[in-house]
C-alpha atoms as a PDB file:
ATOM      1  CA  ALA A   1     103.626  77.964  97.211  1.00  0.00           C
ATOM      2  CA  SER A   2     100.461  78.787  95.040  1.00  0.00           C
ATOM      3  CA  PHE A   3      98.517  76.811  97.875  1.00  0.00           C
ATOM      4  CA  GLN A   4      98.871  79.011 100.798  1.00  0.00           C
ATOM      5  CA  ARG A   5      98.523  81.509  97.801  1.00  0.00           C
ATOM      6  CA  ASN A   6      95.230  80.276  97.425  1.00  0.00           C
ATOM      7  CA  GLN A   7      94.245  80.373 100.706  1.00  0.00           C
ATOM      8  CA  LEU A   8      95.774  84.542 101.199  1.00  0.00           C
ATOM      9  CA  LEU A   9      92.940  84.874  98.175  1.00  0.00           C
ATOM     10  CA  GLN A  10      90.512  83.179  99.938  1.00  0.00           C
ATOM     11  CA  LYS A  11      91.168  84.898 102.597  1.00  0.00           C
ATOM     12  CA  GLU A  12      91.385  88.355 101.652  1.00  0.00           C
ATOM     13  CA  PRO A  13      88.668  88.670  98.705  1.00  0.00           C
ATOM     14  CA  ASP A  14      88.330  92.859  99.193  1.00  0.00           C
ATOM     15  CA  LEU A  15      91.532  92.568  98.692  1.00  0.00           C
ATOM     16  CA  ARG A  16      92.040  90.759  95.683  1.00  0.00           C
ATOM     17  CA  LEU A  17      89.250  92.844  94.195  1.00  0.00           C
ATOM     18  CA  GLU A  18      91.155  95.652  94.322  1.00  0.00           C
ATOM     19  CA  ASN A  19      93.967  94.403  92.808  1.00  0.00           C
ATOM     20  CA  VAL A  20      91.367  93.204  89.836  1.00  0.00           C
ATOM     21  CA  GLN A  21      90.479  96.133  89.606  1.00  0.00           C
ATOM     22  CA  ARG A  22      94.275  98.070  89.740  1.00  0.00           C
ATOM     23  CA  PHE A  23      95.690  95.474  87.373  1.00  0.00           C
ATOM     24  CA  ALA A  24      92.280  96.835  84.903  1.00  0.00           C
ATOM     25  CA  LEU A  25      93.182 100.422  85.466  1.00  0.00           C
ATOM     26  CA  THR A  26      96.962  99.138  84.272  1.00  0.00           C
ATOM     27  CA  GLU A  27      95.968  97.632  81.506  1.00  0.00           C
ATOM     28  CA  MET A  28      93.538 100.400  79.925  1.00  0.00           C
ATOM     29  CA  ILE A  29      96.956 103.036  80.715  1.00  0.00           C
ATOM     30  CA  TYR A  30      99.121 100.720  78.640  1.00  0.00           C
ATOM     31  CA  GLU A  31      96.604 100.664  75.958  1.00  0.00           C
ATOM     32  CA  GLU A  32      95.921 104.281  76.077  1.00  0.00           C
ATOM     33  CA  ASN A  33      99.663 104.991  75.857  1.00  0.00           C
ATOM     34  CA  SER A  34     100.241 102.453  73.427  1.00  0.00           C
ATOM     35  CA  ARG A  35      97.765 104.214  71.152  1.00  0.00           C
ATOM     36  CA  ASP A  36      99.481 107.062  71.524  1.00  0.00           C
ATOM     37  CA  ASN A  37     103.295 105.792  71.114  1.00  0.00           C
ATOM     38  CA  PRO A  38     103.040 102.393  69.215  1.00  0.00           C
ATOM     39  CA  PHE A  39     106.731 101.398  69.821  1.00  0.00           C
END
C-alpha cells in the first residue's frame, strides 16, 4: 500500500505540495486555538 502511495506522490507533486500546505495551515490554526484555549 505504501509503495502505491509513493508512486502516486511522485506522479502528483503539485497535489503533494498542496497537501503539505494545507497540513501546515491546519497546524497553524490549531496552535492559535490552543493558545487561546489550552484545554
